[in-house]
């Protein structure tokens, strides 16, 4: 089962986002995997219509969905709110990393500013 840690403050903001949508279909919060190269991923959130191809769970009565292939990246994720700016903080304490990265590390030219 997918583990998502969600603070009550973040859950309240997500409930508000879902409530503000005016379409008459079941909605959920999708955790979006934003990879860049072979680094550990960053994450985003979007309000989306629930579809049959998504995996589903509820945390603090908030429906979450994700693609089955993304689960290994998302399991253990935590969602909170930055109390200074009101933005979501999406963090993973032990994110998966790509083990077969096709990108070759580039050497740093220490004299490029000379």
PDB file of N, CA and C in Angstrom:
ATOM      1  N   UNK A   1       0.832  -1.184   0.000  1.00  0.00           N
ATOM      2  CA  UNK A   1       0.000   0.000   0.000  1.00  0.00           C
ATOM      3  C   UNK A   1       0.876   1.247   0.000  1.00  0.00           C
ATOM      4  N   UNK A   2       0.495   2.206  -0.795  1.00  0.00           N
ATOM      5  CA  UNK A   2       1.251   3.452  -0.917  1.00  0.00           C
ATOM      6  C   UNK A   2       1.239   4.220   0.405  1.00  0.00           C
ATOM      7  N   UNK A   3       2.401   4.693   0.810  1.00  0.00           N
ATOM      8  CA  UNK A   3       2.497   5.496   2.031  1.00  0.00           C
ATOM      9  C   UNK A   3       2.681   6.959   1.646  1.00  0.00           C
ATOM     10  N   UNK A   4       1.738   7.799   2.078  1.00  0.00           N
ATOM     11  CA  UNK A   4       1.813   9.241   1.885  1.00  0.00           C
ATOM     12  C   UNK A   4       1.609   9.873   3.251  1.00  0.00           C
ATOM     13  N   UNK A   5       2.562  10.698   3.660  1.00  0.00           N
ATOM     14  CA  UNK A   5       2.433  11.421   4.929  1.00  0.00           C
ATOM     15  C   UNK A   5       1.895  12.812   4.610  1.00  0.00           C
ATOM     16  N   UNK A   6       0.806  13.170   5.258  1.00  0.00           N
ATOM     17  CA  UNK A   6       0.121  14.419   4.965  1.00  0.00           C
ATOM     18  C   UNK A   6      -0.215  15.126   6.272  1.00  0.00           C
ATOM     19  N   UNK A   7       0.285  16.350   6.443  1.00  0.00           N
ATOM     20  CA  UNK A   7      -0.056  17.092   7.653  1.00  0.00           C
ATOM     21  C   UNK A   7      -1.500  17.574   7.557  1.00  0.00           C
ATOM     22  N   UNK A   8      -2.095  17.865   8.697  1.00  0.00           N
ATOM     23  CA  UNK A   8      -3.480  18.343   8.706  1.00  0.00           C
ATOM     24  C   UNK A   8      -3.607  19.675   7.984  1.00  0.00           C
ATOM     25  N   UNK A   9      -2.612  20.544   8.121  1.00  0.00           N
ATOM     26  CA  UNK A   9      -2.652  21.832   7.427  1.00  0.00           C
ATOM     27  C   UNK A   9      -2.635  21.637   5.909  1.00  0.00           C
ATOM     28  N   UNK A  10      -1.791  20.755   5.416  1.00  0.00           N
ATOM     29  CA  UNK A  10      -1.741  20.471   3.976  1.00  0.00           C
ATOM     30  C   UNK A  10      -3.052  19.831   3.516  1.00  0.00           C
ATOM     31  N   UNK A  11      -3.606  18.942   4.339  1.00  0.00           N
ATOM     32  CA  UNK A  11      -4.884  18.305   3.989  1.00  0.00           C
ATOM     33  C   UNK A  11      -5.989  19.348   3.880  1.00  0.00           C
ATOM     34  N   UNK A  12      -5.988  20.316   4.771  1.00  0.00           N
ATOM     35  CA  UNK A  12      -7.004  21.367   4.735  1.00  0.00           C
ATOM     36  C   UNK A  12      -6.897  22.175   3.447  1.00  0.00           C
ATOM     37  N   UNK A  13      -5.686  22.512   3.044  1.00  0.00           N
ATOM     38  CA  UNK A  13      -5.509  23.272   1.800  1.00  0.00           C
ATOM     39  C   UNK A  13      -5.913  22.434   0.591  1.00  0.00           C
ATOM     40  N   UNK A  14      -5.598  21.139   0.599  1.00  0.00           N
ATOM     41  CA  UNK A  14      -5.997  20.270  -0.517  1.00  0.00           C
ATOM     42  C   UNK A  14      -7.519  20.135  -0.587  1.00  0.00           C
ATOM     43  N   UNK A  15      -8.175  20.021   0.572  1.00  0.00           N
ATOM     44  CA  UNK A  15      -9.647  19.971   0.587  1.00  0.00           C
ATOM     45  C   UNK A  15     -10.235  21.231  -0.046  1.00  0.00           C
ATOM     46  N   UNK A  16      -9.659  22.375   0.281  1.00  0.00           N
ATOM     47  CA  UNK A  16     -10.119  23.646  -0.280  1.00  0.00           C
ATOM     48  C   UNK A  16      -9.941  23.666  -1.799  1.00  0.00           C
ATOM     49  N   UNK A  17      -8.799  23.189  -2.276  1.00  0.00           N
ATOM     50  CA  UNK A  17      -8.570  23.141  -3.723  1.00  0.00           C
ATOM     51  C   UNK A  17      -9.593  22.249  -4.423  1.00  0.00           C
ATOM     52  N   UNK A  18      -9.875  21.094  -3.831  1.00  0.00           N
ATOM     53  CA  UNK A  18     -10.873  20.189  -4.423  1.00  0.00           C
ATOM     54  C   UNK A  18     -12.275  20.803  -4.367  1.00  0.00           C
ATOM     55  N   UNK A  19     -12.585  21.483  -3.275  1.00  0.00           N
ATOM     56  CA  UNK A  19     -13.897  22.104  -3.101  1.00  0.00           C
ATOM     57  C   UNK A  19     -14.130  23.222  -4.119  1.00  0.00           C
ATOM     58  N   UNK A  20     -13.058  23.942  -4.476  1.00  0.00           N
ATOM     59  CA  UNK A  20     -13.184  25.073  -5.395  1.00  0.00           C
ATOM     60  C   UNK A  20     -13.458  24.646  -6.836  1.00  0.00           C
ATOM     61  N   UNK A  21     -13.175  23.410  -7.177  1.00  0.00           N
ATOM     62  CA  UNK A  21     -13.437  22.926  -8.529  1.00  0.00           C
ATOM     63  C   UNK A  21     -14.938  22.772  -8.718  1.00  0.00           C
ATOM     64  N   UNK A  22     -15.441  23.177  -9.863  1.00  0.00           N
ATOM     65  CA  UNK A  22     -16.886  23.200 -10.071  1.00  0.00           C
ATOM     66  C   UNK A  22     -17.380  22.136 -11.047  1.00  0.00           C
ATOM     67  N   UNK A  23     -16.509  21.238 -11.493  1.00  0.00           N
ATOM     68  CA  UNK A  23     -16.985  20.199 -12.407  1.00  0.00           C
ATOM     69  C   UNK A  23     -17.613  19.062 -11.620  1.00  0.00           C
ATOM     70  N   UNK A  24     -18.470  18.319 -12.273  1.00  0.00           N
ATOM     71  CA  UNK A  24     -19.268  17.305 -11.597  1.00  0.00           C
ATOM     72  C   UNK A  24     -18.722  15.895 -11.837  1.00  0.00           C
ATOM     73  N   UNK A  25     -17.427  15.694 -11.663  1.00  0.00           N
ATOM     74  CA  UNK A  25     -16.796  14.388 -11.802  1.00  0.00           C
ATOM     75  C   UNK A  25     -15.923  14.153 -10.568  1.00  0.00           C
ATOM     76  N   UNK A  26     -15.645  12.895 -10.249  1.00  0.00           N
ATOM     77  CA  UNK A  26     -14.775  12.623  -9.096  1.00  0.00           C
ATOM     78  C   UNK A  26     -13.355  13.151  -9.355  1.00  0.00           C
ATOM     79  N   UNK A  27     -12.867  13.965  -8.438  1.00  0.00           N
ATOM     80  CA  UNK A  27     -11.537  14.541  -8.555  1.00  0.00           C
ATOM     81  C   UNK A  27     -10.608  13.965  -7.500  1.00  0.00           C
ATOM     82  N   UNK A  28      -9.323  14.110  -7.749  1.00  0.00           N
ATOM     83  CA  UNK A  28      -8.309  13.640  -6.809  1.00  0.00           C
ATOM     84  C   UNK A  28      -7.087  14.529  -6.942  1.00  0.00           C
ATOM     85  N   UNK A  29      -6.166  14.342  -6.024  1.00  0.00           N
ATOM     86  CA  UNK A  29      -4.874  15.004  -6.091  1.00  0.00           C
ATOM     87  C   UNK A  29      -3.888  14.005  -6.677  1.00  0.00           C
ATOM     88  N   UNK A  30      -3.247  14.409  -7.756  1.00  0.00           N
ATOM     89  CA  UNK A  30      -2.222  13.560  -8.364  1.00  0.00           C
ATOM     90  C   UNK A  30      -0.858  14.101  -7.971  1.00  0.00           C
ATOM     91  N   UNK A  31      -0.027  13.218  -7.480  1.00  0.00           N
ATOM     92  CA  UNK A  31       1.360  13.567  -7.204  1.00  0.00           C
ATOM     93  C   UNK A  31       2.121  13.378  -8.504  1.00  0.00           C
ATOM     94  N   UNK A  32       2.688  14.456  -9.002  1.00  0.00           N
ATOM     95  CA  UNK A  32       3.356  14.445 -10.298  1.00  0.00           C
ATOM     96  C   UNK A  32       4.853  14.295 -10.082  1.00  0.00           C
ATOM     97  N   UNK A  33       5.427  13.341 -10.761  1.00  0.00           N
ATOM     98  CA  UNK A  33       6.858  13.093 -10.704  1.00  0.00           C
ATOM     99  C   UNK A  33       7.538  13.994 -11.728  1.00  0.00           C
ATOM    100  N   UNK A  34       8.418  14.865 -11.259  1.00  0.00           N
ATOM    101  CA  UNK A  34       9.127  15.804 -12.130  1.00  0.00           C
ATOM    102  C   UNK A  34      10.604  15.438 -12.112  1.00  0.00           C
ATOM    103  N   UNK A  35      11.027  14.603 -13.030  1.00  0.00           N
ATOM    104  CA  UNK A  35      12.429  14.190 -13.043  1.00  0.00           C
ATOM    105  C   UNK A  35      13.233  15.157 -13.889  1.00  0.00           C
ATOM    106  N   UNK A  36      14.498  15.216 -13.595  1.00  0.00           N
ATOM    107  CA  UNK A  36      15.404  16.032 -14.407  1.00  0.00           C
ATOM    108  C   UNK A  36      16.703  15.249 -14.549  1.00  0.00           C
ATOM    109  N   UNK A  37      16.952  14.796 -15.758  1.00  0.00           N
ATOM    110  CA  UNK A  37      18.156  14.001 -15.975  1.00  0.00           C
ATOM    111  C   UNK A  37      18.119  12.741 -15.139  1.00  0.00           C
ATOM    112  N   UNK A  38      19.202  12.455 -14.456  1.00  0.00           N
ATOM    113  CA  UNK A  38      19.294  11.249 -13.637  1.00  0.00           C
ATOM    114  C   UNK A  38      19.310  11.576 -12.147  1.00  0.00           C
ATOM    115  N   UNK A  39      18.994  12.809 -11.813  1.00  0.00           N
ATOM    116  CA  UNK A  39      18.952  13.197 -10.406  1.00  0.00           C
ATOM    117  C   UNK A  39      17.726  12.606  -9.738  1.00  0.00           C
ATOM    118  N   UNK A  40      17.681  12.745  -8.430  1.00  0.00           N
ATOM    119  CA  UNK A  40      16.475  12.352  -7.716  1.00  0.00           C
ATOM    120  C   UNK A  40      15.350  13.278  -8.164  1.00  0.00           C
ATOM    121  N   UNK A  41      14.142  12.791  -8.156  1.00  0.00           N
ATOM    122  CA  UNK A  41      13.042  13.589  -8.696  1.00  0.00           C
ATOM    123  C   UNK A  41      12.589  14.696  -7.759  1.00  0.00           C
ATOM    124  N   UNK A  42      11.922  15.654  -8.346  1.00  0.00           N
ATOM    125  CA  UNK A  42      11.147  16.602  -7.551  1.00  0.00           C
ATOM    126  C   UNK A  42       9.686  16.276  -7.839  1.00  0.00           C
ATOM    127  N   UNK A  43       8.789  16.889  -7.096  1.00  0.00           N
ATOM    128  CA  UNK A  43       7.392  16.506  -7.182  1.00  0.00           C
ATOM    129  C   UNK A  43       6.494  17.726  -7.272  1.00  0.00           C
ATOM    130  N   UNK A  44       5.330  17.537  -7.853  1.00  0.00           N
ATOM    131  CA  UNK A  44       4.310  18.559  -7.908  1.00  0.00           C
ATOM    132  C   UNK A  44       2.964  17.935  -7.594  1.00  0.00           C
ATOM    133  N   UNK A  45       1.957  18.774  -7.466  1.00  0.00           N
ATOM    134  CA  UNK A  45       0.597  18.311  -7.201  1.00  0.00           C
ATOM    135  C   UNK A  45      -0.329  18.919  -8.237  1.00  0.00           C
ATOM    136  N   UNK A  46      -1.344  18.158  -8.642  1.00  0.00           N
ATOM    137  CA  UNK A  46      -2.363  18.705  -9.523  1.00  0.00           C
ATOM    138  C   UNK A  46      -3.718  18.107  -9.166  1.00  0.00           C
ATOM    139  N   UNK A  47      -4.745  18.902  -9.371  1.00  0.00           N
ATOM    140  CA  UNK A  47      -6.113  18.415  -9.222  1.00  0.00           C
ATOM    141  C   UNK A  47      -6.489  17.806 -10.566  1.00  0.00           C
ATOM    142  N   UNK A  48      -6.974  16.565 -10.521  1.00  0.00           N
ATOM    143  CA  UNK A  48      -7.215  15.837 -11.764  1.00  0.00           C
ATOM    144  C   UNK A  48      -8.443  14.941 -11.617  1.00  0.00           C
ATOM    145  N   UNK A  49      -9.052  14.643 -12.715  1.00  0.00           N
ATOM    146  CA  UNK A  49     -10.179  13.718 -12.727  1.00  0.00           C
ATOM    147  C   UNK A  49      -9.665  12.304 -12.458  1.00  0.00           C
ATOM    148  N   UNK A  50     -10.374  11.565 -11.620  1.00  0.00           N
ATOM    149  CA  UNK A  50      -9.993  10.183 -11.340  1.00  0.00           C
ATOM    150  C   UNK A  50     -10.273   9.327 -12.570  1.00  0.00           C
ATOM    151  N   UNK A  51      -9.299   8.527 -12.963  1.00  0.00           N
ATOM    152  CA  UNK A  51      -9.446   7.635 -14.118  1.00  0.00           C
ATOM    153  C   UNK A  51      -9.073   6.220 -13.700  1.00  0.00           C
ATOM    154  N   UNK A  52      -9.561   5.267 -14.456  1.00  0.00           N
ATOM    155  CA  UNK A  52      -9.363   3.861 -14.089  1.00  0.00           C
ATOM    156  C   UNK A  52      -7.903   3.423 -14.142  1.00  0.00           C
ATOM    157  N   UNK A  53      -7.077   4.079 -14.939  1.00  0.00           N
ATOM    158  CA  UNK A  53      -5.677   3.648 -15.039  1.00  0.00           C
ATOM    159  C   UNK A  53      -4.824   4.087 -13.845  1.00  0.00           C
ATOM    160  N   UNK A  54      -5.361   4.934 -12.982  1.00  0.00           N
ATOM    161  CA  UNK A  54      -4.626   5.397 -11.812  1.00  0.00           C
ATOM    162  C   UNK A  54      -4.779   4.426 -10.646  1.00  0.00           C
ATOM    163  N   UNK A  55      -3.735   4.353  -9.838  1.00  0.00           N
ATOM    164  CA  UNK A  55      -3.821   3.729  -8.527  1.00  0.00           C
ATOM    165  C   UNK A  55      -4.432   4.780  -7.604  1.00  0.00           C
ATOM    166  N   UNK A  56      -5.131   4.340  -6.549  1.00  0.00           N
ATOM    167  CA  UNK A  56      -5.841   5.288  -5.694  1.00  0.00           C
ATOM    168  C   UNK A  56      -5.659   4.947  -4.220  1.00  0.00           C
ATOM    169  N   UNK A  57      -5.672   5.992  -3.401  1.00  0.00           N
ATOM    170  CA  UNK A  57      -5.723   5.841  -1.955  1.00  0.00           C
ATOM    171  C   UNK A  57      -6.322   7.113  -1.378  1.00  0.00           C
ATOM    172  N   UNK A  58      -6.700   7.062  -0.116  1.00  0.00           N
ATOM    173  CA  UNK A  58      -7.155   8.255   0.601  1.00  0.00           C
ATOM    174  C   UNK A  58      -6.284   8.432   1.832  1.00  0.00           C
ATOM    175  N   UNK A  59      -5.881   9.678   2.057  1.00  0.00           N
ATOM    176  CA  UNK A  59      -5.124  10.036   3.251  1.00  0.00           C
ATOM    177  C   UNK A  59      -5.819  11.251   3.850  1.00  0.00           C
ATOM    178  N   UNK A  60      -6.202  11.151   5.117  1.00  0.00           N
ATOM    179  CA  UNK A  60      -6.958  12.222   5.780  1.00  0.00           C
ATOM    180  C   UNK A  60      -8.183  12.616   4.945  1.00  0.00           C
ATOM    181  N   UNK A  61      -8.775  11.618   4.334  1.00  0.00           N
ATOM    182  CA  UNK A  61      -9.977  11.766   3.515  1.00  0.00           C
ATOM    183  C   UNK A  61      -9.746  12.570   2.230  1.00  0.00           C
ATOM    184  N   UNK A  62      -8.504  12.683   1.803  1.00  0.00           N
ATOM    185  CA  UNK A  62      -8.151  13.321   0.538  1.00  0.00           C
ATOM    186  C   UNK A  62      -7.840  12.211  -0.460  1.00  0.00           C
ATOM    187  N   UNK A  63      -8.520  12.178  -1.615  1.00  0.00           N
ATOM    188  CA  UNK A  63      -8.204  11.156  -2.616  1.00  0.00           C
ATOM    189  C   UNK A  63      -6.911  11.503  -3.367  1.00  0.00           C
ATOM    190  N   UNK A  64      -5.998  10.547  -3.409  1.00  0.00           N
ATOM    191  CA  UNK A  64      -4.752  10.683  -4.154  1.00  0.00           C
ATOM    192  C   UNK A  64      -4.720   9.634  -5.264  1.00  0.00           C
ATOM    193  N   UNK A  65      -4.164  10.011  -6.411  1.00  0.00           N
ATOM    194  CA  UNK A  65      -3.995   9.076  -7.527  1.00  0.00           C
ATOM    195  C   UNK A  65      -2.574   9.203  -8.074  1.00  0.00           C
ATOM    196  N   UNK A  66      -2.124   8.126  -8.736  1.00  0.00           N
ATOM    197  CA  UNK A  66      -0.807   8.109  -9.361  1.00  0.00           C
ATOM    198  C   UNK A  66      -0.797   6.984 -10.386  1.00  0.00           C
ATOM    199  N   UNK A  67       0.131   7.088 -11.321  1.00  0.00           N
ATOM    200  CA  UNK A  67       0.320   6.010 -12.282  1.00  0.00           C
ATOM    201  C   UNK A  67       1.036   4.849 -11.591  1.00  0.00           C
ATOM    202  N   UNK A  68       0.649   3.597 -11.896  1.00  0.00           N
ATOM    203  CA  UNK A  68       1.280   2.450 -11.231  1.00  0.00           C
ATOM    204  C   UNK A  68       2.806   2.449 -11.326  1.00  0.00           C
ATOM    205  N   UNK A  69       3.360   2.852 -12.464  1.00  0.00           N
ATOM    206  CA  UNK A  69       4.818   2.847 -12.623  1.00  0.00           C
ATOM    207  C   UNK A  69       5.528   3.882 -11.751  1.00  0.00           C
ATOM    208  N   UNK A  70       4.789   4.861 -11.252  1.00  0.00           N
ATOM    209  CA  UNK A  70       5.395   5.908 -10.421  1.00  0.00           C
ATOM    210  C   UNK A  70       5.455   5.552  -8.945  1.00  0.00           C
ATOM    211  N   UNK A  71       4.821   4.461  -8.543  1.00  0.00           N
ATOM    212  CA  UNK A  71       4.698   4.165  -7.114  1.00  0.00           C
ATOM    213  C   UNK A  71       6.042   4.045  -6.414  1.00  0.00           C
ATOM    214  N   UNK A  72       7.020   3.427  -7.042  1.00  0.00           N
ATOM    215  CA  UNK A  72       8.321   3.257  -6.368  1.00  0.00           C
ATOM    216  C   UNK A  72       8.986   4.602  -6.090  1.00  0.00           C
ATOM    217  N   UNK A  73       8.661   5.612  -6.891  1.00  0.00           N
ATOM    218  CA  UNK A  73       9.213   6.949  -6.675  1.00  0.00           C
ATOM    219  C   UNK A  73       8.465   7.705  -5.577  1.00  0.00           C
ATOM    220  N   UNK A  74       7.191   7.370  -5.396  1.00  0.00           N
ATOM    221  CA  UNK A  74       6.323   8.165  -4.532  1.00  0.00           C
ATOM    222  C   UNK A  74       6.141   7.592  -3.126  1.00  0.00           C
ATOM    223  N   UNK A  75       6.326   6.287  -2.958  1.00  0.00           N
ATOM    224  CA  UNK A  75       6.093   5.645  -1.666  1.00  0.00           C
ATOM    225  C   UNK A  75       6.953   6.304  -0.585  1.00  0.00           C
ATOM    226  N   UNK A  76       6.302   6.797   0.475  1.00  0.00           N
ATOM    227  CA  UNK A  76       7.020   7.428   1.576  1.00  0.00           C
ATOM    228  C   UNK A  76       7.074   8.944   1.497  1.00  0.00           C
ATOM    229  N   UNK A  77       6.447   9.516   0.492  1.00  0.00           N
ATOM    230  CA  UNK A  77       6.475  10.967   0.293  1.00  0.00           C
ATOM    231  C   UNK A  77       5.726  11.674   1.415  1.00  0.00           C
ATOM    232  N   UNK A  78       6.142  12.894   1.726  1.00  0.00           N
ATOM    233  CA  UNK A  78       5.442  13.689   2.730  1.00  0.00           C
ATOM    234  C   UNK A  78       5.047  15.033   2.130  1.00  0.00           C
ATOM    235  N   UNK A  79       3.877  15.506   2.550  1.00  0.00           N
ATOM    236  CA  UNK A  79       3.340  16.768   2.035  1.00  0.00           C
ATOM    237  C   UNK A  79       2.974  17.643   3.227  1.00  0.00           C
ATOM    238  N   UNK A  80       3.493  18.856   3.218  1.00  0.00           N
ATOM    239  CA  UNK A  80       3.231  19.820   4.288  1.00  0.00           C
ATOM    240  C   UNK A  80       3.029  21.188   3.632  1.00  0.00           C
ATOM    241  N   UNK A  81       2.866  22.204   4.455  1.00  0.00           N
ATOM    242  CA  UNK A  81       2.703  23.574   3.988  1.00  0.00           C
ATOM    243  C   UNK A  81       3.831  24.423   4.579  1.00  0.00           C
ATOM    244  N   UNK A  82       4.428  25.257   3.744  1.00  0.00           N
ATOM    245  CA  UNK A  82       5.371  26.248   4.233  1.00  0.00           C
ATOM    246  C   UNK A  82       4.556  27.352   4.907  1.00  0.00           C
ATOM    247  N   UNK A  83       4.738  27.522   6.186  1.00  0.00           N
ATOM    248  CA  UNK A  83       3.915  28.467   6.933  1.00  0.00           C
ATOM    249  C   UNK A  83       4.241  29.931   6.633  1.00  0.00           C
ATOM    250  N   UNK A  84       5.375  30.181   5.973  1.00  0.00           N
ATOM    251  CA  UNK A  84       5.730  31.553   5.614  1.00  0.00           C
ATOM    252  C   UNK A  84       5.061  31.997   4.313  1.00  0.00           C
ATOM    253  N   UNK A  85       4.973  31.085   3.326  1.00  0.00           N
ATOM    254  CA  UNK A  85       4.436  31.507   2.024  1.00  0.00           C
ATOM    255  C   UNK A  85       3.186  30.740   1.596  1.00  0.00           C
ATOM    256  N   UNK A  86       2.764  29.733   2.359  1.00  0.00           N
ATOM    257  CA  UNK A  86       1.539  28.999   2.044  1.00  0.00           C
ATOM    258  C   UNK A  86       1.675  27.975   0.931  1.00  0.00           C
ATOM    259  N   UNK A  87       2.882  27.773   0.424  1.00  0.00           N
ATOM    260  CA  UNK A  87       3.091  26.802  -0.658  1.00  0.00           C
ATOM    261  C   UNK A  87       3.305  25.407  -0.075  1.00  0.00           C
ATOM    262  N   UNK A  88       2.999  24.411  -0.908  1.00  0.00           N
ATOM    263  CA  UNK A  88       3.208  23.031  -0.478  1.00  0.00           C
ATOM    264  C   UNK A  88       4.695  22.714  -0.424  1.00  0.00           C
ATOM    265  N   UNK A  89       5.056  21.900   0.548  1.00  0.00           N
ATOM    266  CA  UNK A  89       6.396  21.318   0.643  1.00  0.00           C
ATOM    267  C   UNK A  89       6.213  19.832   0.390  1.00  0.00           C
ATOM    268  N   UNK A  90       6.793  19.327  -0.681  1.00  0.00           N
ATOM    269  CA  UNK A  90       6.681  17.916  -1.029  1.00  0.00           C
ATOM    270  C   UNK A  90       8.080  17.328  -0.919  1.00  0.00           C
ATOM    271  N   UNK A  91       8.222  16.380  -0.028  1.00  0.00           N
ATOM    272  CA  UNK A  91       9.548  15.869   0.290  1.00  0.00           C
ATOM    273  C   UNK A  91       9.518  14.352   0.325  1.00  0.00           C
ATOM    274  N   UNK A  92      10.637  13.770   0.003  1.00  0.00           N
ATOM    275  CA  UNK A  92      10.798  12.325   0.115  1.00  0.00           C
ATOM    276  C   UNK A  92      12.074  12.054   0.897  1.00  0.00           C
ATOM    277  N   UNK A  93      11.982  11.378   2.048  1.00  0.00           N
ATOM    278  CA  UNK A  93      13.166  11.161   2.879  1.00  0.00           C
ATOM    279  C   UNK A  93      14.189  10.207   2.268  1.00  0.00           C
ATOM    280  N   UNK A  94      13.759   9.343   1.372  1.00  0.00           N
ATOM    281  CA  UNK A  94      14.661   8.353   0.774  1.00  0.00           C
ATOM    282  C   UNK A  94      14.229   8.087  -0.666  1.00  0.00           C
ATOM    283  N   UNK A  95      14.384   9.078  -1.553  1.00  0.00           N
ATOM    284  CA  UNK A  95      13.867   8.912  -2.915  1.00  0.00           C
ATOM    285  C   UNK A  95      14.643   7.872  -3.710  1.00  0.00           C
ATOM    286  N   UNK A  96      13.939   7.218  -4.610  1.00  0.00           N
ATOM    287  CA  UNK A  96      14.596   6.302  -5.528  1.00  0.00           C
ATOM    288  C   UNK A  96      15.474   7.114  -6.468  1.00  0.00           C
ATOM    289  N   UNK A  97      16.494   6.462  -6.996  1.00  0.00           N
ATOM    290  CA  UNK A  97      17.348   7.106  -7.986  1.00  0.00           C
ATOM    291  C   UNK A  97      17.457   6.173  -9.179  1.00  0.00           C
ATOM    292  N   UNK A  98      17.704   6.759 -10.340  1.00  0.00           N
ATOM    293  CA  UNK A  98      17.879   5.937 -11.526  1.00  0.00           C
ATOM    294  C   UNK A  98      19.195   5.180 -11.396  1.00  0.00           C
ATOM    295  N   UNK A  99      19.147   3.870 -11.570  1.00  0.00           N
ATOM    296  CA  UNK A  99      20.365   3.071 -11.427  1.00  0.00           C
ATOM    297  C   UNK A  99      21.065   2.841 -12.748  1.00  0.00           C
ATOM    298  N   UNK A 100      20.372   3.057 -13.846  1.00  0.00           N
ATOM    299  CA  UNK A 100      20.973   2.826 -15.160  1.00  0.00           C
ATOM    300  C   UNK A 100      20.982   4.123 -15.967  1.00  0.00           C
ATOM    301  N   UNK A 101      21.474   5.175 -15.368  1.00  0.00           N
ATOM    302  CA  UNK A 101      21.479   6.488 -15.999  1.00  0.00           C
ATOM    303  C   UNK A 101      22.359   6.462 -17.241  1.00  0.00           C
ATOM    304  N   UNK A 102      21.793   6.804 -18.419  1.00  0.00           N
ATOM    305  CA  UNK A 102      22.583   6.803 -19.640  1.00  0.00           C
ATOM    306  C   UNK A 102      23.451   8.045 -19.796  1.00  0.00           C
ATOM    307  N   UNK A 103      23.259   9.020 -18.920  1.00  0.00           N
ATOM    308  CA  UNK A 103      24.036  10.252 -19.042  1.00  0.00           C
ATOM    309  C   UNK A 103      25.430  10.047 -18.462  1.00  0.00           C
ATOM    310  N   UNK A 104      26.434  10.527 -19.177  1.00  0.00           N
ATOM    311  CA  UNK A 104      27.807  10.415 -18.729  1.00  0.00           C
ATOM    312  C   UNK A 104      28.152  11.670 -17.935  1.00  0.00           C
ATOM    313  N   UNK A 105      28.700  11.509 -16.720  1.00  0.00           N
ATOM    314  CA  UNK A 105      29.060  12.700 -15.942  1.00  0.00           C
ATOM    315  C   UNK A 105      30.085  13.542 -16.700  1.00  0.00           C
ATOM    316  N   UNK A 106      29.900  14.844 -16.663  1.00  0.00           N
ATOM    317  CA  UNK A 106      30.806  15.754 -17.343  1.00  0.00           C
ATOM    318  C   UNK A 106      31.867  16.214 -16.365  1.00  0.00           C
ATOM    319  N   UNK A 107      33.101  16.317 -16.874  1.00  0.00           N
ATOM    320  CA  UNK A 107      34.168  16.828 -16.027  1.00  0.00           C
ATOM    321  C   UNK A 107      34.023  18.332 -15.896  1.00  0.00           C
ATOM    322  N   UNK A 108      34.425  18.836 -14.761  1.00  0.00           N
ATOM    323  CA  UNK A 108      34.366  20.272 -14.514  1.00  0.00           C
ATOM    324  C   UNK A 108      35.706  20.872 -14.929  1.00  0.00           C
ATOM    325  N   UNK A 109      35.639  21.908 -15.752  1.00  0.00           N
ATOM    326  CA  UNK A 109      36.845  22.610 -16.162  1.00  0.00           C
ATOM    327  C   UNK A 109      37.158  23.674 -15.112  1.00  0.00           C
ATOM    328  N   UNK A 110      38.133  23.372 -14.276  1.00  0.00           N
ATOM    329  CA  UNK A 110      38.463  24.272 -13.181  1.00  0.00           C
ATOM    330  C   UNK A 110      39.099  25.567 -13.659  1.00  0.00           C
ATOM    331  N   UNK A 111      39.502  25.612 -14.908  1.00  0.00           N
ATOM    332  CA  UNK A 111      40.186  26.799 -15.447  1.00  0.00           C
ATOM    333  C   UNK A 111      39.324  27.571 -16.429  1.00  0.00           C
ATOM    334  N   UNK A 112      38.020  27.295 -16.482  1.00  0.00           N
ATOM    335  CA  UNK A 112      37.185  27.926 -17.485  1.00  0.00           C
ATOM    336  C   UNK A 112      37.056  29.434 -17.301  1.00  0.00           C
ATOM    337  N   UNK A 113      37.264  29.957 -16.104  1.00  0.00           N
ATOM    338  CA  UNK A 113      37.165  31.396 -15.879  1.00  0.00           C
ATOM    339  C   UNK A 113      38.498  32.102 -16.018  1.00  0.00           C
ATOM    340  N   UNK A 114      39.550  31.352 -16.361  1.00  0.00           N
ATOM    341  CA  UNK A 114      40.887  31.973 -16.490  1.00  0.00           C
ATOM    342  C   UNK A 114      41.006  32.786 -17.756  1.00  0.00           C
TER     343      UNK A 114
END
